[in-house]
Structures are given as structure tokens and as C-alpha cells.
PDB file of N, CA and C in Angstrom:
ATOM      1  N   MET A   1      97.583  99.122  94.639  1.00  0.00           N
ATOM      2  CA  MET A   1      96.398  99.698  95.721  1.00  0.00           C
ATOM      3  C   MET A   1      95.889  98.293  95.982  1.00  0.00           C
ATOM      4  N   GLN A   2      95.840  97.640  97.109  1.00  0.00           N
ATOM      5  CA  GLN A   2      94.602  96.422  97.349  1.00  0.00           C
ATOM      6  C   GLN A   2      93.602  96.709  97.699  1.00  0.00           C
ATOM      7  N   LEU A   3      93.030  95.319  97.137  1.00  0.00           N
ATOM      8  CA  LEU A   3      91.254  95.796  96.964  1.00  0.00           C
ATOM      9  C   LEU A   3      90.676  96.360  98.515  1.00  0.00           C
ATOM     10  N   ALA A   4      91.121  95.749  99.979  1.00  0.00           N
ATOM     11  CA  ALA A   4      90.504  96.243 101.317  1.00  0.00           C
ATOM     12  C   ALA A   4      90.700  97.828 100.725  1.00  0.00           C
ATOM     13  N   THR A   5      91.907  98.262 100.494  1.00  0.00           N
ATOM     14  CA  THR A   5      93.012  99.973 100.795  1.00  0.00           C
ATOM     15  C   THR A   5      91.674 100.990  99.815  1.00  0.00           C
ATOM     16  N   ILE A   6      90.572  99.844  98.863  1.00  0.00           N
ATOM     17  CA  ILE A   6      90.469 100.905  97.995  1.00  0.00           C
ATOM     18  C   ILE A   6      88.892 101.385  98.360  1.00  0.00           C
ATOM     19  N   ARG A   7      88.507 100.266  99.344  1.00  0.00           N
ATOM     20  CA  ARG A   7      86.987 100.303  99.487  1.00  0.00           C
ATOM     21  C   ARG A   7      87.149 101.155 100.954  1.00  0.00           C
ATOM     22  N   ALA A   8      88.244 100.526 101.840  1.00  0.00           N
ATOM     23  CA  ALA A   8      87.241 101.921 103.223  1.00  0.00           C
ATOM     24  C   ALA A   8      87.729 103.060 102.324  1.00  0.00           C
ATOM     25  N   GLU A   9      89.267 103.136 101.343  1.00  0.00           N
ATOM     26  CA  GLU A   9      88.991 104.768 100.517  1.00  0.00           C
ATOM     27  C   GLU A   9      88.094 105.852 100.300  1.00  0.00           C
ATOM     28  N   ILE A  10      87.189 104.389 100.036  1.00  0.00           N
ATOM     29  CA  ILE A  10      85.619 105.212  99.642  1.00  0.00           C
ATOM     30  C   ILE A  10      84.610 105.144  99.965  1.00  0.00           C
ATOM     31  N   GLU A  11      84.910 104.694 101.236  1.00  0.00           N
ATOM     32  CA  GLU A  11      83.875 104.509 102.741  1.00  0.00           C
ATOM     33  C   GLU A  11      84.242 105.415 102.930  1.00  0.00           C
ATOM     34  N   GLN A  12      85.297 106.042 103.551  1.00  0.00           N
ATOM     35  CA  GLN A  12      85.531 107.802 103.719  1.00  0.00           C
ATOM     36  C   GLN A  12      85.477 108.371 102.719  1.00  0.00           C
ATOM     37  N   MET A  13      85.498 108.293 101.618  1.00  0.00           N
ATOM     38  CA  MET A  13      85.529 109.950 100.879  1.00  0.00           C
ATOM     39  C   MET A  13      83.152 109.559 100.882  1.00  0.00           C
ATOM     40  N   ARG A  14      82.951 108.831 101.466  1.00  0.00           N
ATOM     41  CA  ARG A  14      81.364 108.805 100.955  1.00  0.00           C
ATOM     42  C   ARG A  14      80.366 109.387 102.653  1.00  0.00           C
ATOM     43  N   ARG A  15      81.862 109.121 103.324  1.00  0.00           N
ATOM     44  CA  ARG A  15      81.073 109.336 105.045  1.00  0.00           C
ATOM     45  C   ARG A  15      81.516 111.496 104.426  1.00  0.00           C
ATOM     46  N   GLN A  16      82.897 111.776 103.947  1.00  0.00           N
ATOM     47  CA  GLN A  16      82.972 113.427 103.857  1.00  0.00           C
ATOM     48  C   GLN A  16      82.328 113.718 103.082  1.00  0.00           C
ATOM     49  N   ILE A  17      81.340 113.359 101.597  1.00  0.00           N
ATOM     50  CA  ILE A  17      80.346 113.446 100.528  1.00  0.00           C
ATOM     51  C   ILE A  17      79.613 114.139 101.671  1.00  0.00           C
ATOM     52  N   ALA A  18      78.837 113.460 101.989  1.00  0.00           N
ATOM     53  CA  ALA A  18      77.265 114.022 102.771  1.00  0.00           C
ATOM     54  C   ALA A  18      78.229 114.357 104.244  1.00  0.00           C
ATOM     55  N   ARG A  19      79.340 115.080 104.536  1.00  0.00           N
ATOM     56  CA  ARG A  19      79.015 116.218 105.492  1.00  0.00           C
ATOM     57  C   ARG A  19      79.602 117.304 104.168  1.00  0.00           C
ATOM     58  N   GLN A  20      80.190 117.149 102.609  1.00  0.00           N
ATOM     59  CA  GLN A  20      80.273 118.695 102.483  1.00  0.00           C
ATOM     60  C   GLN A  20      78.729 118.733 101.394  1.00  0.00           C
ATOM     61  N   ARG A  21      77.947 118.034 101.347  1.00  0.00           N
ATOM     62  CA  ARG A  21      76.241 118.461 101.184  1.00  0.00           C
ATOM     63  C   ARG A  21      75.576 118.905 102.243  1.00  0.00           C
ATOM     64  N   LYS A  22      76.155 118.729 103.872  1.00  0.00           N
ATOM     65  CA  LYS A  22      75.469 119.173 105.129  1.00  0.00           C
ATOM     66  C   LYS A  22      75.857 120.426 104.690  1.00  0.00           C
ATOM     67  N   GLU A  23      77.296 120.694 104.529  1.00  0.00           N
ATOM     68  CA  GLU A  23      77.792 122.271 105.034  1.00  0.00           C
ATOM     69  C   GLU A  23      77.330 122.881 103.575  1.00  0.00           C
ATOM     70  N   ILE A  24      76.813 122.553 102.126  1.00  0.00           N
ATOM     71  CA  ILE A  24      76.509 123.311 101.776  1.00  0.00           C
ATOM     72  C   ILE A  24      74.766 123.888 101.873  1.00  0.00           C
ATOM     73  N   LEU A  25      74.186 122.494 102.245  1.00  0.00           N
ATOM     74  CA  LEU A  25      73.002 123.430 102.814  1.00  0.00           C
ATOM     75  C   LEU A  25      72.379 124.382 103.589  1.00  0.00           C
ATOM     76  N   ASP A  26      73.622 124.451 105.403  1.00  0.00           N
ATOM     77  CA  ASP A  26      73.577 124.823 105.922  1.00  0.00           C
ATOM     78  C   ASP A  26      74.726 126.127 105.214  1.00  0.00           C
ATOM     79  N   LEU A  27      74.788 126.529 104.390  1.00  0.00           N
ATOM     80  CA  LEU A  27      75.506 127.866 103.474  1.00  0.00           C
ATOM     81  C   LEU A  27      74.286 128.382 102.567  1.00  0.00           C
ATOM     82  N   GLN A  28      73.607 127.510 102.197  1.00  0.00           N
ATOM     83  CA  GLN A  28      72.563 127.707 101.308  1.00  0.00           C
ATOM     84  C   GLN A  28      71.828 128.816 102.343  1.00  0.00           C
ATOM     85  N   ARG A  29      70.927 127.749 103.234  1.00  0.00           N
ATOM     86  CA  ARG A  29      69.686 128.443 104.215  1.00  0.00           C
ATOM     87  C   ARG A  29      70.982 130.080 104.994  1.00  0.00           C
ATOM     88  N   ALA A  30      71.686 130.620 105.261  1.00  0.00           N
ATOM     89  CA  ALA A  30      72.303 131.289 105.639  1.00  0.00           C
ATOM     90  C   ALA A  30      72.902 132.407 105.125  1.00  0.00           C
ATOM     91  N   GLY A  31      71.955 132.269 103.544  1.00  0.00           N
ATOM     92  CA  GLY A  31      73.065 133.148 102.224  1.00  0.00           C
ATOM     93  C   GLY A  31      73.657 133.142 102.155  1.00  0.00           C
ATOM     94  N   ILE A  32      74.854 132.291 101.974  1.00  0.00           N
ATOM     95  CA  ILE A  32      76.348 132.127 101.539  1.00  0.00           C
ATOM     96  C   ILE A  32      76.245 131.822 100.184  1.00  0.00           C
ATOM     97  N   PRO A  33      77.273 132.466  99.265  1.00  0.00           N
ATOM     98  CA  PRO A  33      76.964 131.397  97.988  1.00  0.00           C
ATOM     99  C   PRO A  33      78.303 130.353  97.780  1.00  0.00           C
ATOM    100  N   THR A  34      77.540 129.581  97.424  1.00  0.00           N
ATOM    101  CA  THR A  34      77.869 127.914  97.830  1.00  0.00           C
ATOM    102  C   THR A  34      78.714 127.041  96.939  1.00  0.00           C
ATOM    103  N   THR A  35      78.646 127.856  95.531  1.00  0.00           N
ATOM    104  CA  THR A  35      79.855 128.290  94.197  1.00  0.00           C
ATOM    105  C   THR A  35      80.846 126.520  94.617  1.00  0.00           C
ATOM    106  N   PRO A  36      82.256 127.420  95.792  1.00  0.00           N
ATOM    107  CA  PRO A  36      83.695 126.837  95.474  1.00  0.00           C
ATOM    108  C   PRO A  36      82.901 125.697  96.314  1.00  0.00           C
ATOM    109  N   ALA A  37      82.423 125.284  96.854  1.00  0.00           N
ATOM    110  CA  ALA A  37      81.485 123.863  98.027  1.00  0.00           C
ATOM    111  C   ALA A  37      80.736 122.964  97.141  1.00  0.00           C
ATOM    112  N   GLU A  38      80.459 123.610  96.474  1.00  0.00           N
ATOM    113  CA  GLU A  38      79.742 122.208  94.796  1.00  0.00           C
ATOM    114  C   GLU A  38      80.804 122.024  94.094  1.00  0.00           C
ATOM    115  N   GLU A  39      81.796 122.925  93.837  1.00  0.00           N
ATOM    116  CA  GLU A  39      83.188 122.399  92.863  1.00  0.00           C
ATOM    117  C   GLU A  39      83.549 121.328  93.310  1.00  0.00           C
ATOM    118  N   LEU A  40      84.142 121.435  94.672  1.00  0.00           N
ATOM    119  CA  LEU A  40      84.867 120.396  95.719  1.00  0.00           C
ATOM    120  C   LEU A  40      83.905 119.610  95.886  1.00  0.00           C
ATOM    121  N   LEU A  41      82.149 119.752  95.808  1.00  0.00           N
ATOM    122  CA  LEU A  41      81.726 118.310  96.158  1.00  0.00           C
ATOM    123  C   LEU A  41      81.432 117.135  94.936  1.00  0.00           C
ATOM    124  N   ALA A  42      81.916 117.917  93.488  1.00  0.00           N
ATOM    125  CA  ALA A  42      81.780 117.460  91.806  1.00  0.00           C
ATOM    126  C   ALA A  42      83.245 116.607  92.168  1.00  0.00           C
ATOM    127  N   ARG A  43      84.521 117.473  92.529  1.00  0.00           N
ATOM    128  CA  ARG A  43      85.437 116.558  92.702  1.00  0.00           C
ATOM    129  C   ARG A  43      85.469 115.973  93.463  1.00  0.00           C
ATOM    130  N   MET A  44      84.879 115.688  94.366  1.00  0.00           N
ATOM    131  CA  MET A  44      84.680 114.349  95.361  1.00  0.00           C
ATOM    132  C   MET A  44      84.232 113.298  95.015  1.00  0.00           C
ATOM    133  N   LEU A  45      82.711 113.194  94.689  1.00  0.00           N
ATOM    134  CA  LEU A  45      82.407 112.644  93.460  1.00  0.00           C
ATOM    135  C   LEU A  45      82.794 111.807  92.448  1.00  0.00           C
ATOM    136  N   THR A  46      83.648 112.172  91.507  1.00  0.00           N
ATOM    137  CA  THR A  46      84.782 112.253  90.401  1.00  0.00           C
ATOM    138  C   THR A  46      85.410 111.001  90.830  1.00  0.00           C
ATOM    139  N   LYS A  47      86.136 111.129  91.991  1.00  0.00           N
ATOM    140  CA  LYS A  47      86.991 110.621  92.255  1.00  0.00           C
ATOM    141  C   LYS A  47      86.392 109.199  93.471  1.00  0.00           C
ATOM    142  N   VAL A  48      85.345 109.364  93.943  1.00  0.00           N
ATOM    143  CA  VAL A  48      85.260 108.187  94.284  1.00  0.00           C
ATOM    144  C   VAL A  48      84.186 107.206  92.673  1.00  0.00           C
ATOM    145  N   GLU A  49      83.685 107.700  92.268  1.00  0.00           N
ATOM    146  CA  GLU A  49      83.679 107.252  90.573  1.00  0.00           C
ATOM    147  C   GLU A  49      84.660 106.383  90.078  1.00  0.00           C
ATOM    148  N   GLU A  50      85.806 107.600  89.804  1.00  0.00           N
ATOM    149  CA  GLU A  50      87.204 106.612  89.906  1.00  0.00           C
ATOM    150  C   GLU A  50      87.696 105.823  90.711  1.00  0.00           C
ATOM    151  N   LEU A  51      87.391 105.764  91.723  1.00  0.00           N
ATOM    152  CA  LEU A  51      87.696 104.495  93.234  1.00  0.00           C
ATOM    153  C   LEU A  51      87.083 103.921  92.554  1.00  0.00           C
ATOM    154  N   CYS A  52      85.372 103.152  92.276  1.00  0.00           N
ATOM    155  CA  CYS A  52      84.762 102.604  92.236  1.00  0.00           C
ATOM    156  C   CYS A  52      84.946 101.454  90.875  1.00  0.00           C
ATOM    157  N   ALA A  53      85.412 102.671  90.027  1.00  0.00           N
ATOM    158  CA  ALA A  53      86.071 101.618  88.600  1.00  0.00           C
ATOM    159  C   ALA A  53      87.076 101.248  88.552  1.00  0.00           C
ATOM    160  N   GLN A  54      88.501 101.775  89.439  1.00  0.00           N
ATOM    161  CA  GLN A  54      89.277 100.888  89.823  1.00  0.00           C
ATOM    162  C   GLN A  54      88.974  99.524  90.975  1.00  0.00           C
ATOM    163  N   ARG A  55      87.818  99.719  91.926  1.00  0.00           N
ATOM    164  CA  ARG A  55      87.594  98.024  92.455  1.00  0.00           C
ATOM    165  C   ARG A  55      87.168  97.191  91.198  1.00  0.00           C
ATOM    166  N   ASP A  56      86.323  97.934  90.538  1.00  0.00           N
ATOM    167  CA  ASP A  56      85.142  96.793  89.644  1.00  0.00           C
ATOM    168  C   ASP A  56      86.535  96.677  89.359  1.00  0.00           C
ATOM    169  N   ARG A  57      87.212  96.801  89.188  1.00  0.00           N
ATOM    170  CA  ARG A  57      88.735  96.354  87.572  1.00  0.00           C
ATOM    171  C   ARG A  57      88.998  95.270  88.030  1.00  0.00           C
ATOM    172  N   LEU A  58      89.616  95.389  89.652  1.00  0.00           N
ATOM    173  CA  LEU A  58      90.419  94.434  90.597  1.00  0.00           C
ATOM    174  C   LEU A  58      89.232  93.298  91.342  1.00  0.00           C
ATOM    175  N   VAL A  59      87.954  93.249  91.201  1.00  0.00           N
ATOM    176  CA  VAL A  59      87.352  92.592  91.568  1.00  0.00           C
ATOM    177  C   VAL A  59      86.332  91.710  89.951  1.00  0.00           C
ATOM    178  N   GLY A  60      86.697  92.419  88.725  1.00  0.00           N
ATOM    179  CA  GLY A  60      86.504  91.295  88.105  1.00  0.00           C
ATOM    180  C   GLY A  60      87.917  90.056  87.891  1.00  0.00           C
ATOM    181  N   GLU A  61      89.188  91.617  87.720  1.00  0.00           N
ATOM    182  CA  GLU A  61      89.837  90.557  87.944  1.00  0.00           C
ATOM    183  C   GLU A  61      90.282  89.346  88.386  1.00  0.00           C
ATOM    184  N   SER A  62      90.280  89.411  89.799  1.00  0.00           N
ATOM    185  CA  SER A  62      90.303  88.496  90.725  1.00  0.00           C
ATOM    186  C   SER A  62      89.097  86.180  90.002  1.00  0.00           C
ATOM    187  N   ARG A  63      88.466  87.946  89.471  1.00  0.00           N
ATOM    188  CA  ARG A  63      87.026  86.262  89.166  1.00  0.00           C
ATOM    189  C   ARG A  63      87.015  85.608  88.196  1.00  0.00           C
ATOM    190  N   ARG A  64      87.387  84.070  87.683  1.00  0.00           N
ATOM    191  CA  ARG A  64      87.351  83.392  86.462  1.00  0.00           C
ATOM    192  C   ARG A  64      86.373  82.981  86.486  1.00  0.00           C
ATOM    193  N   LYS A  65      85.992  81.822  85.637  1.00  0.00           N
ATOM    194  CA  LYS A  65      84.621  81.897  84.843  1.00  0.00           C
ATOM    195  C   LYS A  65      85.176  79.858  85.429  1.00  0.00           C
ATOM    196  N   TYR A  66      84.087  78.963  84.930  1.00  0.00           N
ATOM    197  CA  TYR A  66      84.770  77.421  84.981  1.00  0.00           C
ATOM    198  C   TYR A  66      84.448  77.326  83.432  1.00  0.00           C
ATOM    199  N   GLU A  67      85.104  76.836  82.313  1.00  0.00           N
ATOM    200  CA  GLU A  67      85.324  76.345  81.726  1.00  0.00           C
ATOM    201  C   GLU A  67      83.898  76.056  80.830  1.00  0.00           C
ATOM    202  N   GLY A  68      83.425  76.756  80.169  1.00  0.00           N
ATOM    203  CA  GLY A  68      82.100  76.240  78.927  1.00  0.00           C
ATOM    204  C   GLY A  68      80.812  76.982  79.877  1.00  0.00           C
ATOM    205  N   LYS A  69      81.278  76.793  81.162  1.00  0.00           N
ATOM    206  CA  LYS A  69      80.423  77.909  82.110  1.00  0.00           C
ATOM    207  C   LYS A  69      79.964  79.443  82.316  1.00  0.00           C
ATOM    208  N   ASP A  70      79.000  79.791  82.807  1.00  0.00           N
ATOM    209  CA  ASP A  70      78.688  80.870  82.799  1.00  0.00           C
ATOM    210  C   ASP A  70      78.690  81.003  84.877  1.00  0.00           C
ATOM    211  N   LYS A  71      79.271  80.098  85.430  1.00  0.00           N
ATOM    212  CA  LYS A  71      79.413  80.656  86.900  1.00  0.00           C
ATOM    213  C   LYS A  71      80.874  81.391  87.163  1.00  0.00           C
ATOM    214  N   PHE A  72      80.774  81.764  88.358  1.00  0.00           N
ATOM    215  CA  PHE A  72      82.175  82.183  88.417  1.00  0.00           C
ATOM    216  C   PHE A  72      82.753  81.373  89.530  1.00  0.00           C
ATOM    217  N   ILE A  73      84.600  81.127  89.243  1.00  0.00           N
ATOM    218  CA  ILE A  73      85.014  80.469  90.935  1.00  0.00           C
ATOM    219  C   ILE A  73      85.308  81.794  91.594  1.00  0.00           C
ATOM    220  N   LEU A  74      84.789  81.092  92.529  1.00  0.00           N
ATOM    221  CA  LEU A  74      85.659  82.413  93.823  1.00  0.00           C
ATOM    222  C   LEU A  74      86.172  82.539  95.184  1.00  0.00           C
ATOM    223  N   GLY A  75      87.237  83.068  95.691  1.00  0.00           N
ATOM    224  CA  GLY A  75      88.111  82.522  96.458  1.00  0.00           C
ATOM    225  C   GLY A  75      89.930  83.074  95.034  1.00  0.00           C
ATOM    226  N   PRO A  76      90.983  81.744  96.168  1.00  0.00           N
ATOM    227  CA  PRO A  76      91.724  82.535  94.858  1.00  0.00           C
ATOM    228  C   PRO A  76      92.201  81.455  93.963  1.00  0.00           C
ATOM    229  N   GLN A  77      92.461  81.437  92.694  1.00  0.00           N
ATOM    230  CA  GLN A  77      92.938  80.729  91.496  1.00  0.00           C
ATOM    231  C   GLN A  77      94.465  79.961  91.596  1.00  0.00           C
ATOM    232  N   ILE A  78      94.132  78.623  92.152  1.00  0.00           N
ATOM    233  CA  ILE A  78      95.252  77.745  92.025  1.00  0.00           C
ATOM    234  C   ILE A  78      95.272  76.488  91.597  1.00  0.00           C
ATOM    235  N   ARG A  79      96.102  76.053  90.957  1.00  0.00           N
ATOM    236  CA  ARG A  79      96.418  75.226  89.413  1.00  0.00           C
ATOM    237  C   ARG A  79      96.921  74.012  90.270  1.00  0.00           C
ATOM    238  N   ILE A  80      95.803  72.921  89.889  1.00  0.00           N
ATOM    239  CA  ILE A  80      96.412  71.920  90.599  1.00  0.00           C
ATOM    240  C   ILE A  80      96.449  70.762  89.721  1.00  0.00           C
ATOM    241  N   GLY A  81      97.392  69.772  89.031  1.00  0.00           N
ATOM    242  CA  GLY A  81      97.889  68.997  88.646  1.00  0.00           C
ATOM    243  C   GLY A  81      98.075  69.486  87.314  1.00  0.00           C
ATOM    244  N   GLY A  82      97.115  69.222  86.447  1.00  0.00           N
ATOM    245  CA  GLY A  82      97.514  69.145  85.014  1.00  0.00           C
ATOM    246  C   GLY A  82      98.987  69.495  84.307  1.00  0.00           C
ATOM    247  N   LYS A  83      99.359  69.944  83.316  1.00  0.00           N
ATOM    248  CA  LYS A  83     100.612  69.767  82.904  1.00  0.00           C
ATOM    249  C   LYS A  83     101.789  70.513  83.336  1.00  0.00           C
ATOM    250  N   ARG A  84     102.727  69.570  82.831  1.00  0.00           N
ATOM    251  CA  ARG A  84     103.912  70.812  84.204  1.00  0.00           C
ATOM    252  C   ARG A  84     104.482  70.925  82.805  1.00  0.00           C
ATOM    253  N   GLY A  85     105.144  72.439  82.492  1.00  0.00           N
ATOM    254  CA  GLY A  85     106.556  72.473  81.098  1.00  0.00           C
ATOM    255  C   GLY A  85     107.875  72.281  81.748  1.00  0.00           C
TER     256      GLY A  85
END
């Protein structure tokens, strides 16, 4: 998956989670059991955590450090010059 796609999916899932939490509160106010809704919410949260981990991995792969420094090189990594084999 592309980084932009993952970020969009995380954003969409977070909106769904907010709606699910609201529905759970409405069910609780009405005195209706919320166990199935809470289980769905837990699965949704797990999915978001997995997507965030995947996003973080992709971001980490896209960053490189300058040799001997703690600074990241941002942007596309292009080799200019150097040895040709």
C-alpha cells in the first residue's frame, strides 16, 4: 500500500470509531446491551493500530540519515555521482 492510501484509511477509520463510540453511548442511555458494539470497536481500534504501524514503517523506510550525523535526509533519495560499477 502507498503511504497516502494508508493515511487516508487511518483517517476514515478514526471517523468511523468516533461514530461507533457515539452509538455505544446512545445504546447505553437506552439501556440496550453494548457488548457486540464494544467488540466491533475493539476490532476497529486494532485495525487502526496495525495501519499506524505500517505507516510508521513506510515513513521510516523513506528517511535516510546523513553519514555520521543524526540528521535525516528528507525527500526522494537520488544517487548523484559516485562510483559506477
